Amino acid sequence: MKPRVIDWDGSHLPEALRELPPGRYAVEPIDDLPPLTPEEDAGLLAALDQLDAGRGIPVWEIVINQALGCAVRVVARGPFC
C-alpha cells in the first residue's frame, strides 16, 4: 500500500480515511518534515522497486539477526550467524 497524504480540518473525517481497509494505522503530521534529498528519494524508490520485485528480506530474518547481533544474510535458511 502506498502512503497517502490526507488533509484534515481537525473535525470532519476525511473521505480518504473512509476508503482505507480496516486495520491499524500510524498517523503523524508531516507539515514540519524536511524534504528528502534527491539521493534519499532515489534510494527509497529503488528499495520499493526491490520489494515489488520480491527481493526483500523477510522480517523474521531481520528480527532474528538483530537479536543475535548478526549482520549476515541467511541464504540457505540454515543456522543463523
C-alpha atoms as a PDB file:
ATOM      1  CA  MET A   1       0.000   0.000   0.000  1.00  0.00           C
ATOM      2  CA  LYS A   2       1.397   3.373  -0.948  1.00  0.00           C
ATOM      3  CA  PRO A   3       1.470   6.188   1.606  1.00  0.00           C
ATOM      4  CA  ARG A   4      -1.398   8.634   1.407  1.00  0.00           C
ATOM      5  CA  VAL A   5      -1.273  12.290   2.297  1.00  0.00           C
ATOM      6  CA  ILE A   6      -4.542  13.387   3.848  1.00  0.00           C
ATOM      7  CA  ASP A   7      -5.573  16.970   4.557  1.00  0.00           C
ATOM      8  CA  TRP A   8      -7.701  17.190   7.688  1.00  0.00           C
ATOM      9  CA  ASP A   9      -9.634  20.178   9.029  1.00  0.00           C
ATOM     10  CA  GLY A  10      -9.470  18.865  12.592  1.00  0.00           C
ATOM     11  CA  SER A  11     -13.106  17.891  12.944  1.00  0.00           C
ATOM     12  CA  HIS A  12     -14.541  16.062   9.913  1.00  0.00           C
ATOM     13  CA  LEU A  13     -13.349  12.588   8.964  1.00  0.00           C
ATOM     14  CA  PRO A  14     -11.718  12.850   5.523  1.00  0.00           C
ATOM     15  CA  GLU A  15     -13.088  10.625   2.769  1.00  0.00           C
ATOM     16  CA  ALA A  16      -9.572   9.272   2.157  1.00  0.00           C
ATOM     17  CA  LEU A  17      -9.657   7.675   5.633  1.00  0.00           C
ATOM     18  CA  ARG A  18     -13.043   6.105   4.975  1.00  0.00           C
ATOM     19  CA  GLU A  19     -11.596   4.438   1.856  1.00  0.00           C
ATOM     20  CA  LEU A  20      -8.837   2.617   3.778  1.00  0.00           C
ATOM     21  CA  PRO A  21      -9.370  -1.055   4.604  1.00  0.00           C
ATOM     22  CA  PRO A  22      -9.843  -1.990   8.261  1.00  0.00           C
ATOM     23  CA  GLY A  23      -6.611  -2.287  10.202  1.00  0.00           C
ATOM     24  CA  ARG A  24      -4.146  -0.396  12.377  1.00  0.00           C
ATOM     25  CA  TYR A  25      -2.602   2.769  11.024  1.00  0.00           C
ATOM     26  CA  ALA A  26       0.071   5.135  12.252  1.00  0.00           C
ATOM     27  CA  VAL A  27      -0.868   8.747  11.666  1.00  0.00           C
ATOM     28  CA  GLU A  28       1.510  11.642  12.124  1.00  0.00           C
ATOM     29  CA  PRO A  29       1.630  15.217  10.878  1.00  0.00           C
ATOM     30  CA  ILE A  30       4.033  15.849   8.028  1.00  0.00           C
ATOM     31  CA  ASP A  31       3.882  19.633   7.910  1.00  0.00           C
ATOM     32  CA  ASP A  32       7.287  20.118   9.550  1.00  0.00           C
ATOM     33  CA  LEU A  33       9.269  17.358   7.879  1.00  0.00           C
ATOM     34  CA  PRO A  34      12.280  18.420   5.823  1.00  0.00           C
ATOM     35  CA  PRO A  35      12.128  17.402   2.166  1.00  0.00           C
ATOM     36  CA  LEU A  36      14.084  14.371   1.064  1.00  0.00           C
ATOM     37  CA  THR A  37      17.313  14.921  -0.789  1.00  0.00           C
ATOM     38  CA  PRO A  38      17.369  13.612  -4.364  1.00  0.00           C
ATOM     39  CA  GLU A  39      19.635  10.783  -3.146  1.00  0.00           C
ATOM     40  CA  GLU A  40      17.229   9.807  -0.351  1.00  0.00           C
ATOM     41  CA  ASP A  41      14.282   9.888  -2.728  1.00  0.00           C
ATOM     42  CA  ALA A  42      16.130   7.749  -5.295  1.00  0.00           C
ATOM     43  CA  GLY A  43      17.181   5.289  -2.571  1.00  0.00           C
ATOM     44  CA  LEU A  44      13.631   4.857  -1.319  1.00  0.00           C
ATOM     45  CA  LEU A  45      12.290   4.354  -4.831  1.00  0.00           C
ATOM     46  CA  ALA A  46      14.996   1.768  -5.539  1.00  0.00           C
ATOM     47  CA  ALA A  47      14.162  -0.056  -2.290  1.00  0.00           C
ATOM     48  CA  LEU A  48      10.452  -0.105  -3.148  1.00  0.00           C
ATOM     49  CA  ASP A  49      11.271  -1.461  -6.607  1.00  0.00           C
ATOM     50  CA  GLN A  50      13.298  -4.258  -4.971  1.00  0.00           C
ATOM     51  CA  LEU A  51      10.403  -5.120  -2.659  1.00  0.00           C
ATOM     52  CA  ASP A  52       7.922  -5.063  -5.550  1.00  0.00           C
ATOM     53  CA  ALA A  53      10.211  -7.457  -7.432  1.00  0.00           C
ATOM     54  CA  GLY A  54      10.191  -9.875  -4.487  1.00  0.00           C
ATOM     55  CA  ARG A  55      13.796  -9.236  -3.480  1.00  0.00           C
ATOM     56  CA  GLY A  56      13.141  -8.107   0.084  1.00  0.00           C
ATOM     57  CA  ILE A  57      14.414  -9.721   3.270  1.00  0.00           C
ATOM     58  CA  PRO A  58      11.687 -11.384   5.363  1.00  0.00           C
ATOM     59  CA  VAL A  59      11.013  -9.510   8.592  1.00  0.00           C
ATOM     60  CA  TRP A  60      11.503 -12.656  10.706  1.00  0.00           C
ATOM     61  CA  GLU A  61      15.039 -12.920   9.362  1.00  0.00           C
ATOM     62  CA  ILE A  62      15.821  -9.325  10.258  1.00  0.00           C
ATOM     63  CA  VAL A  63      14.431  -9.759  13.776  1.00  0.00           C
ATOM     64  CA  ILE A  64      16.446 -12.929  14.414  1.00  0.00           C
ATOM     65  CA  ASN A  65      19.642 -11.408  13.031  1.00  0.00           C
ATOM     66  CA  GLN A  66      19.162  -8.286  15.158  1.00  0.00           C
ATOM     67  CA  ALA A  67      18.505 -10.370  18.270  1.00  0.00           C
ATOM     68  CA  LEU A  68      21.645 -12.419  17.659  1.00  0.00           C
ATOM     69  CA  GLY A  69      23.768  -9.438  16.646  1.00  0.00           C
ATOM     70  CA  CYS A  70      24.307 -10.731  13.131  1.00  0.00           C
ATOM     71  CA  ALA A  71      24.965  -8.659  10.082  1.00  0.00           C
ATOM     72  CA  VAL A  72      24.900 -11.537   7.622  1.00  0.00           C
ATOM     73  CA  ARG A  73      22.139 -12.581   5.278  1.00  0.00           C
ATOM     74  CA  VAL A  74      20.714 -16.057   5.789  1.00  0.00           C
ATOM     75  CA  VAL A  75      20.972 -17.693   2.379  1.00  0.00           C
ATOM     76  CA  ALA A  76      20.145 -21.349   2.874  1.00  0.00           C
ATOM     77  CA  ARG A  77      17.767 -20.820   5.804  1.00  0.00           C
ATOM     78  CA  GLY A  78      20.210 -22.796   7.897  1.00  0.00           C
ATOM     79  CA  PRO A  79      21.930 -21.802  11.123  1.00  0.00           C
ATOM     80  CA  PHE A  80      21.800 -18.122  11.871  1.00  0.00           C
ATOM     81  CA  CYS A  81      25.002 -16.058  12.123  1.00  0.00           C
END
